[in-house]
Amino acid sequence: MTPLLLVLASAMPGSGLPIWSRSPPAVSILDYGAKPGGEVDCTQAITRAVAAATAAVTAEGPAGVAHVVIPRGLTFLTGSFSLATGVYLWLEPGSVLLASTELSGYPAVGACSTW
């Protein structure tokens, strides 16, 4: 949820975060095969959308930014996915990312002795 708060705060004057001079590229997960309804695993579609957004950020240069858009009012089932630097997750009002209960959709995390 932090990326959502960061994206919303980024457009607010005085937030200390950059205000973009133009709208960043927006990549809808629907364009990459995500199926709404919360029954079909959309992890791969979201991963493809993140890859497209990452390419847009790379094309923009070091200050590049892009949004991966979770469309308004729809629910999408997903496992784990990662965002690249400059790629923000934009959840439109009423959208839901539903965490999969399939454990194979999440990477194993080893013990951390530095906690």
PDB file of N, CA and C in Angstrom:
ATOM      1  N   MET A   1       0.816  -1.193   0.000  1.00  0.00           N
ATOM      2  CA  MET A   1       0.000   0.000   0.000  1.00  0.00           C
ATOM      3  C   MET A   1       0.860   1.257   0.000  1.00  0.00           C
ATOM      4  N   THR A   2       2.093   1.196   0.441  1.00  0.00           N
ATOM      5  CA  THR A   2       2.962   2.363   0.446  1.00  0.00           C
ATOM      6  C   THR A   2       3.117   2.981  -0.930  1.00  0.00           C
ATOM      7  N   PRO A   3       3.313   2.181  -2.022  1.00  0.00           N
ATOM      8  CA  PRO A   3       3.435   2.834  -3.334  1.00  0.00           C
ATOM      9  C   PRO A   3       2.218   3.677  -3.686  1.00  0.00           C
ATOM     10  N   LEU A   4       1.022   3.238  -3.307  1.00  0.00           N
ATOM     11  CA  LEU A   4      -0.176   4.017  -3.584  1.00  0.00           C
ATOM     12  C   LEU A   4      -0.095   5.361  -2.879  1.00  0.00           C
ATOM     13  N   LEU A   5       0.276   5.360  -1.609  1.00  0.00           N
ATOM     14  CA  LEU A   5       0.383   6.612  -0.872  1.00  0.00           C
ATOM     15  C   LEU A   5       1.451   7.509  -1.468  1.00  0.00           C
ATOM     16  N   LEU A   6       2.543   6.920  -1.907  1.00  0.00           N
ATOM     17  CA  LEU A   6       3.612   7.694  -2.523  1.00  0.00           C
ATOM     18  C   LEU A   6       3.148   8.337  -3.816  1.00  0.00           C
ATOM     19  N   VAL A   7       2.410   7.591  -4.632  1.00  0.00           N
ATOM     20  CA  VAL A   7       1.919   8.123  -5.897  1.00  0.00           C
ATOM     21  C   VAL A   7       0.955   9.275  -5.642  1.00  0.00           C
ATOM     22  N   LEU A   8       0.049   9.118  -4.702  1.00  0.00           N
ATOM     23  CA  LEU A   8      -0.916  10.176  -4.425  1.00  0.00           C
ATOM     24  C   LEU A   8      -0.229  11.406  -3.845  1.00  0.00           C
ATOM     25  N   ALA A   9       0.755  11.192  -2.982  1.00  0.00           N
ATOM     26  CA  ALA A   9       1.453  12.310  -2.365  1.00  0.00           C
ATOM     27  C   ALA A   9       2.347  13.030  -3.355  1.00  0.00           C
ATOM     28  N   SER A  10       2.782  12.346  -4.403  1.00  0.00           N
ATOM     29  CA  SER A  10       3.740  12.935  -5.326  1.00  0.00           C
ATOM     30  C   SER A  10       3.184  14.136  -6.080  1.00  0.00           C
ATOM     31  N   ALA A  11       1.876  14.236  -6.195  1.00  0.00           N
ATOM     32  CA  ALA A  11       1.281  15.339  -6.939  1.00  0.00           C
ATOM     33  C   ALA A  11       0.871  16.498  -6.035  1.00  0.00           C
ATOM     34  N   MET A  12       1.188  16.406  -4.754  1.00  0.00           N
ATOM     35  CA  MET A  12       0.764  17.430  -3.815  1.00  0.00           C
ATOM     36  C   MET A  12       1.901  18.413  -3.549  1.00  0.00           C
ATOM     37  N   PRO A  13       1.674  19.692  -3.830  1.00  0.00           N
ATOM     38  CA  PRO A  13       2.702  20.690  -3.537  1.00  0.00           C
ATOM     39  C   PRO A  13       3.061  20.662  -2.056  1.00  0.00           C
ATOM     40  N   GLY A  14       4.337  20.844  -1.768  1.00  0.00           N
ATOM     41  CA  GLY A  14       4.778  20.860  -0.382  1.00  0.00           C
ATOM     42  C   GLY A  14       5.015  19.482   0.201  1.00  0.00           C
ATOM     43  N   SER A  15       4.813  18.425  -0.590  1.00  0.00           N
ATOM     44  CA  SER A  15       5.001  17.067  -0.076  1.00  0.00           C
ATOM     45  C   SER A  15       6.471  16.702   0.007  1.00  0.00           C
ATOM     46  N   GLY A  16       7.333  17.473  -0.661  1.00  0.00           N
ATOM     47  CA  GLY A  16       8.740  17.150  -0.690  1.00  0.00           C
ATOM     48  C   GLY A  16       9.079  16.143  -1.775  1.00  0.00           C
ATOM     49  N   LEU A  17       8.075  15.648  -2.467  1.00  0.00           N
ATOM     50  CA  LEU A  17       8.273  14.698  -3.557  1.00  0.00           C
ATOM     51  C   LEU A  17       8.137  15.440  -4.880  1.00  0.00           C
ATOM     52  N   PRO A  18       8.709  14.888  -5.941  1.00  0.00           N
ATOM     53  CA  PRO A  18       8.674  15.613  -7.222  1.00  0.00           C
ATOM     54  C   PRO A  18       7.269  15.770  -7.779  1.00  0.00           C
ATOM     55  N   ILE A  19       7.015  16.903  -8.396  1.00  0.00           N
ATOM     56  CA  ILE A  19       5.773  17.122  -9.133  1.00  0.00           C
ATOM     57  C   ILE A  19       6.148  17.049 -10.607  1.00  0.00           C
ATOM     58  N   TRP A  20       5.539  16.111 -11.329  1.00  0.00           N
ATOM     59  CA  TRP A  20       5.918  15.884 -12.718  1.00  0.00           C
ATOM     60  C   TRP A  20       5.390  16.994 -13.606  1.00  0.00           C
ATOM     61  N   SER A  21       6.216  17.387 -14.574  1.00  0.00           N
ATOM     62  CA  SER A  21       5.822  18.451 -15.481  1.00  0.00           C
ATOM     63  C   SER A  21       4.801  17.949 -16.496  1.00  0.00           C
ATOM     64  N   ARG A  22       4.699  16.648 -16.667  1.00  0.00           N
ATOM     65  CA  ARG A  22       3.693  16.045 -17.548  1.00  0.00           C
ATOM     66  C   ARG A  22       3.302  14.713 -16.923  1.00  0.00           C
ATOM     67  N   SER A  23       2.221  14.164 -17.386  1.00  0.00           N
ATOM     68  CA  SER A  23       1.759  12.900 -16.820  1.00  0.00           C
ATOM     69  C   SER A  23       2.725  11.774 -17.174  1.00  0.00           C
ATOM     70  N   PRO A  24       3.098  10.967 -16.183  1.00  0.00           N
ATOM     71  CA  PRO A  24       3.953   9.821 -16.468  1.00  0.00           C
ATOM     72  C   PRO A  24       3.210   8.800 -17.330  1.00  0.00           C
ATOM     73  N   PRO A  25       3.935   7.977 -18.090  1.00  0.00           N
ATOM     74  CA  PRO A  25       3.269   6.913 -18.847  1.00  0.00           C
ATOM     75  C   PRO A  25       2.466   6.016 -17.900  1.00  0.00           C
ATOM     76  N   ALA A  26       1.291   5.602 -18.340  1.00  0.00           N
ATOM     77  CA  ALA A  26       0.438   4.712 -17.548  1.00  0.00           C
ATOM     78  C   ALA A  26       0.236   3.422 -18.330  1.00  0.00           C
ATOM     79  N   VAL A  27       0.481   2.305 -17.662  1.00  0.00           N
ATOM     80  CA  VAL A  27       0.368   0.989 -18.276  1.00  0.00           C
ATOM     81  C   VAL A  27      -0.738   0.224 -17.551  1.00  0.00           C
ATOM     82  N   SER A  28      -1.828  -0.063 -18.240  1.00  0.00           N
ATOM     83  CA  SER A  28      -2.933  -0.802 -17.641  1.00  0.00           C
ATOM     84  C   SER A  28      -2.643  -2.298 -17.674  1.00  0.00           C
ATOM     85  N   ILE A  29      -2.908  -2.980 -16.571  1.00  0.00           N
ATOM     86  CA  ILE A  29      -2.700  -4.431 -16.542  1.00  0.00           C
ATOM     87  C   ILE A  29      -3.668  -5.150 -17.477  1.00  0.00           C
ATOM     88  N   LEU A  30      -4.788  -4.511 -17.812  1.00  0.00           N
ATOM     89  CA  LEU A  30      -5.735  -5.122 -18.754  1.00  0.00           C
ATOM     90  C   LEU A  30      -5.102  -5.298 -20.134  1.00  0.00           C
ATOM     91  N   ASP A  31      -4.220  -4.367 -20.505  1.00  0.00           N
ATOM     92  CA  ASP A  31      -3.554  -4.435 -21.809  1.00  0.00           C
ATOM     93  C   ASP A  31      -2.548  -5.584 -21.891  1.00  0.00           C
ATOM     94  N   TYR A  32      -2.243  -6.186 -20.765  1.00  0.00           N
ATOM     95  CA  TYR A  32      -1.270  -7.277 -20.722  1.00  0.00           C
ATOM     96  C   TYR A  32      -1.899  -8.607 -20.305  1.00  0.00           C
ATOM     97  N   GLY A  33      -3.226  -8.670 -20.399  1.00  0.00           N
ATOM     98  CA  GLY A  33      -3.920  -9.934 -20.217  1.00  0.00           C
ATOM     99  C   GLY A  33      -4.552 -10.181 -18.865  1.00  0.00           C
ATOM    100  N   ALA A  34      -4.538  -9.219 -17.963  1.00  0.00           N
ATOM    101  CA  ALA A  34      -5.177  -9.419 -16.660  1.00  0.00           C
ATOM    102  C   ALA A  34      -6.685  -9.576 -16.826  1.00  0.00           C
ATOM    103  N   LYS A  35      -7.252 -10.522 -16.118  1.00  0.00           N
ATOM    104  CA  LYS A  35      -8.687 -10.805 -16.172  1.00  0.00           C
ATOM    105  C   LYS A  35      -9.322 -10.431 -14.838  1.00  0.00           C
ATOM    106  N   PRO A  36     -10.250  -9.471 -14.848  1.00  0.00           N
ATOM    107  CA  PRO A  36     -10.901  -9.075 -13.595  1.00  0.00           C
ATOM    108  C   PRO A  36     -11.834 -10.164 -13.077  1.00  0.00           C
ATOM    109  N   GLY A  37     -12.176 -10.061 -11.815  1.00  0.00           N
ATOM    110  CA  GLY A  37     -13.116 -10.989 -11.193  1.00  0.00           C
ATOM    111  C   GLY A  37     -12.544 -11.698  -9.983  1.00  0.00           C
ATOM    112  N   GLY A  38     -11.225 -11.720  -9.853  1.00  0.00           N
ATOM    113  CA  GLY A  38     -10.605 -12.317  -8.675  1.00  0.00           C
ATOM    114  C   GLY A  38     -10.524 -13.830  -8.691  1.00  0.00           C
ATOM    115  N   GLU A  39     -10.754 -14.453  -9.848  1.00  0.00           N
ATOM    116  CA  GLU A  39     -10.702 -15.914  -9.916  1.00  0.00           C
ATOM    117  C   GLU A  39      -9.543 -16.426 -10.755  1.00  0.00           C
ATOM    118  N   VAL A  40      -9.035 -15.611 -11.669  1.00  0.00           N
ATOM    119  CA  VAL A  40      -7.929 -16.001 -12.556  1.00  0.00           C
ATOM    120  C   VAL A  40      -6.656 -15.326 -12.057  1.00  0.00           C
ATOM    121  N   ASP A  41      -5.571 -16.095 -11.900  1.00  0.00           N
ATOM    122  CA  ASP A  41      -4.299 -15.544 -11.442  1.00  0.00           C
ATOM    123  C   ASP A  41      -3.752 -14.576 -12.492  1.00  0.00           C
ATOM    124  N   CYS A  42      -3.554 -13.334 -12.094  1.00  0.00           N
ATOM    125  CA  CYS A  42      -3.101 -12.277 -13.005  1.00  0.00           C
ATOM    126  C   CYS A  42      -1.636 -11.903 -12.788  1.00  0.00           C
ATOM    127  N   THR A  43      -0.907 -12.716 -12.028  1.00  0.00           N
ATOM    128  CA  THR A  43       0.481 -12.385 -11.716  1.00  0.00           C
ATOM    129  C   THR A  43       1.316 -12.168 -12.961  1.00  0.00           C
ATOM    130  N   GLN A  44       1.208 -13.035 -13.943  1.00  0.00           N
ATOM    131  CA  GLN A  44       2.020 -12.900 -15.161  1.00  0.00           C
ATOM    132  C   GLN A  44       1.641 -11.643 -15.942  1.00  0.00           C
ATOM    133  N   ALA A  45       0.350 -11.334 -16.010  1.00  0.00           N
ATOM    134  CA  ALA A  45      -0.084 -10.117 -16.707  1.00  0.00           C
ATOM    135  C   ALA A  45       0.444  -8.872 -16.005  1.00  0.00           C
ATOM    136  N   ILE A  46       0.405  -8.876 -14.685  1.00  0.00           N
ATOM    137  CA  ILE A  46       0.924  -7.734 -13.924  1.00  0.00           C
ATOM    138  C   ILE A  46       2.431  -7.624 -14.127  1.00  0.00           C
ATOM    139  N   THR A  47       3.124  -8.755 -14.129  1.00  0.00           N
ATOM    140  CA  THR A  47       4.570  -8.768 -14.359  1.00  0.00           C
ATOM    141  C   THR A  47       4.911  -8.212 -15.740  1.00  0.00           C
ATOM    142  N   ARG A  48       4.112  -8.573 -16.756  1.00  0.00           N
ATOM    143  CA  ARG A  48       4.339  -8.024 -18.107  1.00  0.00           C
ATOM    144  C   ARG A  48       4.087  -6.516 -18.132  1.00  0.00           C
ATOM    145  N   ALA A  49       3.064  -6.052 -17.421  1.00  0.00           N
ATOM    146  CA  ALA A  49       2.786  -4.610 -17.357  1.00  0.00           C
ATOM    147  C   ALA A  49       3.927  -3.873 -16.655  1.00  0.00           C
ATOM    148  N   VAL A  50       4.457  -4.471 -15.599  1.00  0.00           N
ATOM    149  CA  VAL A  50       5.603  -3.871 -14.892  1.00  0.00           C
ATOM    150  C   VAL A  50       6.802  -3.796 -15.835  1.00  0.00           C
ATOM    151  N   ALA A  51       7.036  -4.842 -16.626  1.00  0.00           N
ATOM    152  CA  ALA A  51       8.148  -4.830 -17.585  1.00  0.00           C
ATOM    153  C   ALA A  51       7.972  -3.708 -18.606  1.00  0.00           C
ATOM    154  N   ALA A  52       6.756  -3.502 -19.085  1.00  0.00           N
ATOM    155  CA  ALA A  52       6.494  -2.420 -20.036  1.00  0.00           C
ATOM    156  C   ALA A  52       6.719  -1.056 -19.383  1.00  0.00           C
ATOM    157  N   ALA A  53       6.276  -0.906 -18.144  1.00  0.00           N
ATOM    158  CA  ALA A  53       6.485   0.350 -17.420  1.00  0.00           C
ATOM    159  C   ALA A  53       7.974   0.581 -17.174  1.00  0.00           C
ATOM    160  N   THR A  54       8.703  -0.488 -16.864  1.00  0.00           N
ATOM    161  CA  THR A  54      10.142  -0.385 -16.645  1.00  0.00           C
ATOM    162  C   THR A  54      10.842   0.077 -17.924  1.00  0.00           C
ATOM    163  N   ALA A  55      10.410  -0.438 -19.069  1.00  0.00           N
ATOM    164  CA  ALA A  55      10.971  -0.003 -20.348  1.00  0.00           C
ATOM    165  C   ALA A  55      10.699   1.479 -20.580  1.00  0.00           C
ATOM    166  N   ALA A  56       9.508   1.940 -20.211  1.00  0.00           N
ATOM    167  CA  ALA A  56       9.171   3.364 -20.356  1.00  0.00           C
ATOM    168  C   ALA A  56      10.048   4.221 -19.452  1.00  0.00           C
ATOM    169  N   VAL A  57      10.302   3.749 -18.241  1.00  0.00           N
ATOM    170  CA  VAL A  57      11.164   4.475 -17.309  1.00  0.00           C
ATOM    171  C   VAL A  57      12.579   4.551 -17.865  1.00  0.00           C
ATOM    172  N   THR A  58      13.072   3.447 -18.386  1.00  0.00           N
ATOM    173  CA  THR A  58      14.419   3.399 -18.957  1.00  0.00           C
ATOM    174  C   THR A  58      14.548   4.385 -20.114  1.00  0.00           C
ATOM    175  N   ALA A  59      13.520   4.465 -20.944  1.00  0.00           N
ATOM    176  CA  ALA A  59      13.533   5.386 -22.083  1.00  0.00           C
ATOM    177  C   ALA A  59      13.539   6.843 -21.630  1.00  0.00           C
ATOM    178  N   GLU A  60      12.954   7.115 -20.468  1.00  0.00           N
ATOM    179  CA  GLU A  60      12.878   8.488 -19.940  1.00  0.00           C
ATOM    180  C   GLU A  60      14.211   8.952 -19.364  1.00  0.00           C
ATOM    181  N   GLY A  61      15.072   8.031 -18.983  1.00  0.00           N
ATOM    182  CA  GLY A  61      16.348   8.404 -18.375  1.00  0.00           C
ATOM    183  C   GLY A  61      16.305   8.272 -16.867  1.00  0.00           C
ATOM    184  N   PRO A  62      17.321   8.791 -16.169  1.00  0.00           N
ATOM    185  CA  PRO A  62      17.458   8.587 -14.721  1.00  0.00           C
ATOM    186  C   PRO A  62      16.270   9.081 -13.898  1.00  0.00           C
ATOM    187  N   ALA A  63      15.561  10.084 -14.362  1.00  0.00           N
ATOM    188  CA  ALA A  63      14.425  10.614 -13.606  1.00  0.00           C
ATOM    189  C   ALA A  63      13.102  10.056 -14.120  1.00  0.00           C
ATOM    190  N   GLY A  64      13.155   8.999 -14.909  1.00  0.00           N
ATOM    191  CA  GLY A  64      11.947   8.437 -15.503  1.00  0.00           C
ATOM    192  C   GLY A  64      10.991   7.846 -14.482  1.00  0.00           C
ATOM    193  N   VAL A  65       9.705   7.955 -14.793  1.00  0.00           N
ATOM    194  CA  VAL A  65       8.640   7.459 -13.924  1.00  0.00           C
ATOM    195  C   VAL A  65       7.547   6.870 -14.808  1.00  0.00           C
ATOM    196  N   ALA A  66       6.920   5.796 -14.341  1.00  0.00           N
ATOM    197  CA  ALA A  66       5.758   5.226 -15.028  1.00  0.00           C
ATOM    198  C   ALA A  66       4.831   4.605 -13.993  1.00  0.00           C
ATOM    199  N   HIS A  67       3.563   4.514 -14.342  1.00  0.00           N
ATOM    200  CA  HIS A  67       2.554   3.920 -13.455  1.00  0.00           C
ATOM    201  C   HIS A  67       2.037   2.615 -14.042  1.00  0.00           C
ATOM    202  N   VAL A  68       1.911   1.599 -13.193  1.00  0.00           N
ATOM    203  CA  VAL A  68       1.190   0.382 -13.546  1.00  0.00           C
ATOM    204  C   VAL A  68      -0.192   0.564 -12.932  1.00  0.00           C
ATOM    205  N   VAL A  69      -1.215   0.572 -13.779  1.00  0.00           N
ATOM    206  CA  VAL A  69      -2.565   0.935 -13.350  1.00  0.00           C
ATOM    207  C   VAL A  69      -3.420  -0.309 -13.084  1.00  0.00           C
ATOM    208  N   ILE A  70      -4.008  -0.343 -11.890  1.00  0.00           N
ATOM    209  CA  ILE A  70      -5.008  -1.343 -11.533  1.00  0.00           C
ATOM    210  C   ILE A  70      -6.351  -0.630 -11.724  1.00  0.00           C
ATOM    211  N   PRO A  71      -7.140  -1.048 -12.742  1.00  0.00           N
ATOM    212  CA  PRO A  71      -8.329  -0.292 -13.132  1.00  0.00           C
ATOM    213  C   PRO A  71      -9.421  -0.178 -12.065  1.00  0.00           C
ATOM    214  N   ARG A  72     -10.105   0.920 -12.155  1.00  0.00           N
ATOM    215  CA  ARG A  72     -11.182   1.321 -11.247  1.00  0.00           C
ATOM    216  C   ARG A  72     -12.244   0.235 -11.073  1.00  0.00           C
ATOM    217  N   GLY A  73     -12.532  -0.054  -9.798  1.00  0.00           N
ATOM    218  CA  GLY A  73     -13.677  -0.890  -9.467  1.00  0.00           C
ATOM    219  C   GLY A  73     -13.542  -2.367  -9.795  1.00  0.00           C
ATOM    220  N   LEU A  74     -12.341  -2.827 -10.145  1.00  0.00           N
ATOM    221  CA  LEU A  74     -12.164  -4.227 -10.517  1.00  0.00           C
ATOM    222  C   LEU A  74     -11.252  -4.948  -9.534  1.00  0.00           C
ATOM    223  N   THR A  75     -11.444  -6.265  -9.422  1.00  0.00           N
ATOM    224  CA  THR A  75     -10.642  -7.106  -8.529  1.00  0.00           C
ATOM    225  C   THR A  75      -9.772  -8.033  -9.358  1.00  0.00           C
ATOM    226  N   PHE A  76      -8.494  -8.151  -8.964  1.00  0.00           N
ATOM    227  CA  PHE A  76      -7.547  -9.003  -9.672  1.00  0.00           C
ATOM    228  C   PHE A  76      -6.818  -9.881  -8.671  1.00  0.00           C
ATOM    229  N   LEU A  77      -6.762 -11.171  -8.955  1.00  0.00           N
ATOM    230  CA  LEU A  77      -6.049 -12.143  -8.133  1.00  0.00           C
ATOM    231  C   LEU A  77      -4.582 -12.131  -8.539  1.00  0.00           C
ATOM    232  N   THR A  78      -3.672 -12.107  -7.550  1.00  0.00           N
ATOM    233  CA  THR A  78      -2.252 -12.085  -7.877  1.00  0.00           C
ATOM    234  C   THR A  78      -1.416 -12.736  -6.793  1.00  0.00           C
ATOM    235  N   GLY A  79      -0.263 -13.224  -7.223  1.00  0.00           N
ATOM    236  CA  GLY A  79       0.779 -13.670  -6.307  1.00  0.00           C
ATOM    237  C   GLY A  79       1.786 -12.535  -6.189  1.00  0.00           C
ATOM    238  N   SER A  80       3.020 -12.899  -5.913  1.00  0.00           N
ATOM    239  CA  SER A  80       4.081 -11.920  -5.709  1.00  0.00           C
ATOM    240  C   SER A  80       4.563 -11.332  -7.030  1.00  0.00           C
ATOM    241  N   PHE A  81       4.850 -10.037  -7.016  1.00  0.00           N
ATOM    242  CA  PHE A  81       5.498  -9.374  -8.142  1.00  0.00           C
ATOM    243  C   PHE A  81       6.323  -8.226  -7.584  1.00  0.00           C
ATOM    244  N   SER A  82       7.302  -7.779  -8.351  1.00  0.00           N
ATOM    245  CA  SER A  82       8.199  -6.711  -7.899  1.00  0.00           C
ATOM    246  C   SER A  82       8.094  -5.517  -8.828  1.00  0.00           C
ATOM    247  N   LEU A  83       8.292  -4.333  -8.261  1.00  0.00           N
ATOM    248  CA  LEU A  83       8.317  -3.102  -9.040  1.00  0.00           C
ATOM    249  C   LEU A  83       9.760  -2.631  -9.173  1.00  0.00           C
ATOM    250  N   ALA A  84      10.082  -2.031 -10.289  1.00  0.00           N
ATOM    251  CA  ALA A  84      11.419  -1.477 -10.515  1.00  0.00           C
ATOM    252  C   ALA A  84      11.458  -0.036 -10.025  1.00  0.00           C
ATOM    253  N   THR A  85      12.657   0.495  -9.903  1.00  0.00           N
ATOM    254  CA  THR A  85      12.828   1.895  -9.529  1.00  0.00           C
ATOM    255  C   THR A  85      12.111   2.781 -10.539  1.00  0.00           C
ATOM    256  N   GLY A  86      11.316   3.715 -10.047  1.00  0.00           N
ATOM    257  CA  GLY A  86      10.592   4.636 -10.914  1.00  0.00           C
ATOM    258  C   GLY A  86       9.253   4.110 -11.391  1.00  0.00           C
ATOM    259  N   VAL A  87       8.920   2.876 -11.037  1.00  0.00           N
ATOM    260  CA  VAL A  87       7.630   2.292 -11.417  1.00  0.00           C
ATOM    261  C   VAL A  87       6.738   2.286 -10.181  1.00  0.00           C
ATOM    262  N   TYR A  88       5.587   2.906 -10.302  1.00  0.00           N
ATOM    263  CA  TYR A  88       4.649   3.029  -9.186  1.00  0.00           C
ATOM    264  C   TYR A  88       3.385   2.251  -9.485  1.00  0.00           C
ATOM    265  N   LEU A  89       2.826   1.650  -8.464  1.00  0.00           N
ATOM    266  CA  LEU A  89       1.563   0.936  -8.588  1.00  0.00           C
ATOM    267  C   LEU A  89       0.443   1.931  -8.320  1.00  0.00           C
ATOM    268  N   TRP A  90      -0.461   2.098  -9.287  1.00  0.00           N
ATOM    269  CA  TRP A  90      -1.548   3.075  -9.188  1.00  0.00           C
ATOM    270  C   TRP A  90      -2.860   2.316  -9.109  1.00  0.00           C
ATOM    271  N   LEU A  91      -3.439   2.269  -7.924  1.00  0.00           N
ATOM    272  CA  LEU A  91      -4.739   1.622  -7.741  1.00  0.00           C
ATOM    273  C   LEU A  91      -5.821   2.678  -7.879  1.00  0.00           C
ATOM    274  N   GLU A  92      -6.637   2.549  -8.914  1.00  0.00           N
ATOM    275  CA  GLU A  92      -7.731   3.487  -9.098  1.00  0.00           C
ATOM    276  C   GLU A  92      -8.808   3.210  -8.046  1.00  0.00           C
ATOM    277  N   PRO A  93      -9.677   4.188  -7.775  1.00  0.00           N
ATOM    278  CA  PRO A  93     -10.703   4.020  -6.735  1.00  0.00           C
ATOM    279  C   PRO A  93     -11.518   2.733  -6.921  1.00  0.00           C
ATOM    280  N   GLY A  94     -11.652   1.995  -5.833  1.00  0.00           N
ATOM    281  CA  GLY A  94     -12.457   0.777  -5.842  1.00  0.00           C
ATOM    282  C   GLY A  94     -11.746  -0.445  -6.385  1.00  0.00           C
ATOM    283  N   SER A  95     -10.500  -0.296  -6.840  1.00  0.00           N
ATOM    284  CA  SER A  95      -9.781  -1.461  -7.357  1.00  0.00           C
ATOM    285  C   SER A  95      -9.232  -2.286  -6.195  1.00  0.00           C
ATOM    286  N   VAL A  96      -9.081  -3.596  -6.443  1.00  0.00           N
ATOM    287  CA  VAL A  96      -8.615  -4.515  -5.401  1.00  0.00           C
ATOM    288  C   VAL A  96      -7.582  -5.465  -6.001  1.00  0.00           C
ATOM    289  N   LEU A  97      -6.449  -5.611  -5.312  1.00  0.00           N
ATOM    290  CA  LEU A  97      -5.500  -6.678  -5.617  1.00  0.00           C
ATOM    291  C   LEU A  97      -5.709  -7.735  -4.544  1.00  0.00           C
ATOM    292  N   LEU A  98      -6.177  -8.891  -4.955  1.00  0.00           N
ATOM    293  CA  LEU A  98      -6.502  -9.984  -4.045  1.00  0.00           C
ATOM    294  C   LEU A  98      -5.318 -10.935  -3.995  1.00  0.00           C
ATOM    295  N   ALA A  99      -4.763 -11.156  -2.812  1.00  0.00           N
ATOM    296  CA  ALA A  99      -3.602 -12.035  -2.663  1.00  0.00           C
ATOM    297  C   ALA A  99      -4.014 -13.488  -2.855  1.00  0.00           C
ATOM    298  N   SER A 100      -3.283 -14.168  -3.708  1.00  0.00           N
ATOM    299  CA  SER A 100      -3.541 -15.586  -3.962  1.00  0.00           C
ATOM    300  C   SER A 100      -3.241 -16.412  -2.716  1.00  0.00           C
ATOM    301  N   THR A 101      -3.999 -17.456  -2.510  1.00  0.00           N
ATOM    302  CA  THR A 101      -3.732 -18.381  -1.403  1.00  0.00           C
ATOM    303  C   THR A 101      -2.814 -19.514  -1.850  1.00  0.00           C
ATOM    304  N   GLU A 102      -2.429 -19.497  -3.127  1.00  0.00           N
ATOM    305  CA  GLU A 102      -1.529 -20.515  -3.680  1.00  0.00           C
ATOM    306  C   GLU A 102      -0.092 -20.151  -3.289  1.00  0.00           C
ATOM    307  N   LEU A 103       0.496 -20.885  -2.358  1.00  0.00           N
ATOM    308  CA  LEU A 103       1.818 -20.549  -1.835  1.00  0.00           C
ATOM    309  C   LEU A 103       2.918 -20.588  -2.893  1.00  0.00           C
ATOM    310  N   SER A 104       2.715 -21.346  -3.963  1.00  0.00           N
ATOM    311  CA  SER A 104       3.726 -21.404  -5.024  1.00  0.00           C
ATOM    312  C   SER A 104       3.866 -20.062  -5.741  1.00  0.00           C
ATOM    313  N   GLY A 105       2.932 -19.150  -5.531  1.00  0.00           N
ATOM    314  CA  GLY A 105       2.990 -17.831  -6.152  1.00  0.00           C
ATOM    315  C   GLY A 105       3.846 -16.835  -5.402  1.00  0.00           C
ATOM    316  N   TYR A 106       4.516 -17.299  -4.343  1.00  0.00           N
ATOM    317  CA  TYR A 106       5.328 -16.413  -3.523  1.00  0.00           C
ATOM    318  C   TYR A 106       6.723 -17.010  -3.358  1.00  0.00           C
ATOM    319  N   PRO A 107       7.773 -16.186  -3.451  1.00  0.00           N
ATOM    320  CA  PRO A 107       9.125 -16.729  -3.291  1.00  0.00           C
ATOM    321  C   PRO A 107       9.389 -17.110  -1.829  1.00  0.00           C
ATOM    322  N   ALA A 108      10.229 -18.115  -1.649  1.00  0.00           N
ATOM    323  CA  ALA A 108      10.632 -18.502  -0.306  1.00  0.00           C
ATOM    324  C   ALA A 108      11.571 -17.442   0.243  1.00  0.00           C
ATOM    325  N   VAL A 109      11.430 -17.123   1.509  1.00  0.00           N
ATOM    326  CA  VAL A 109      12.279 -16.150   2.164  1.00  0.00           C
ATOM    327  C   VAL A 109      13.040 -16.869   3.264  1.00  0.00           C
ATOM    328  N   GLY A 110      14.345 -16.765   3.232  1.00  0.00           N
ATOM    329  CA  GLY A 110      15.174 -17.430   4.227  1.00  0.00           C
ATOM    330  C   GLY A 110      15.171 -16.679   5.543  1.00  0.00           C
ATOM    331  N   ALA A 111      15.702 -17.334   6.556  1.00  0.00           N
ATOM    332  CA  ALA A 111      15.812 -16.723   7.874  1.00  0.00           C
ATOM    333  C   ALA A 111      16.786 -15.552   7.805  1.00  0.00           C
ATOM    334  N   CYS A 112      16.485 -14.522   8.548  1.00  0.00           N
ATOM    335  CA  CYS A 112      17.344 -13.337   8.574  1.00  0.00           C
ATOM    336  C   CYS A 112      17.858 -13.151   9.996  1.00  0.00           C
ATOM    337  N   SER A 113      19.158 -13.264  10.178  1.00  0.00           N
ATOM    338  CA  SER A 113      19.718 -13.166  11.524  1.00  0.00           C
ATOM    339  C   SER A 113      20.019 -11.732  11.938  1.00  0.00           C
ATOM    340  N   THR A 114      19.766 -10.763  11.050  1.00  0.00           N
ATOM    341  CA  THR A 114      20.100  -9.369  11.370  1.00  0.00           C
ATOM    342  C   THR A 114      18.913  -8.565  11.876  1.00  0.00           C
ATOM    343  N   TRP A 115      17.809  -9.201  12.138  1.00  0.00           N
ATOM    344  CA  TRP A 115      16.625  -8.467  12.593  1.00  0.00           C
ATOM    345  C   TRP A 115      16.818  -7.979  13.970  1.00  0.00           C
TER     346      TRP A 115
END
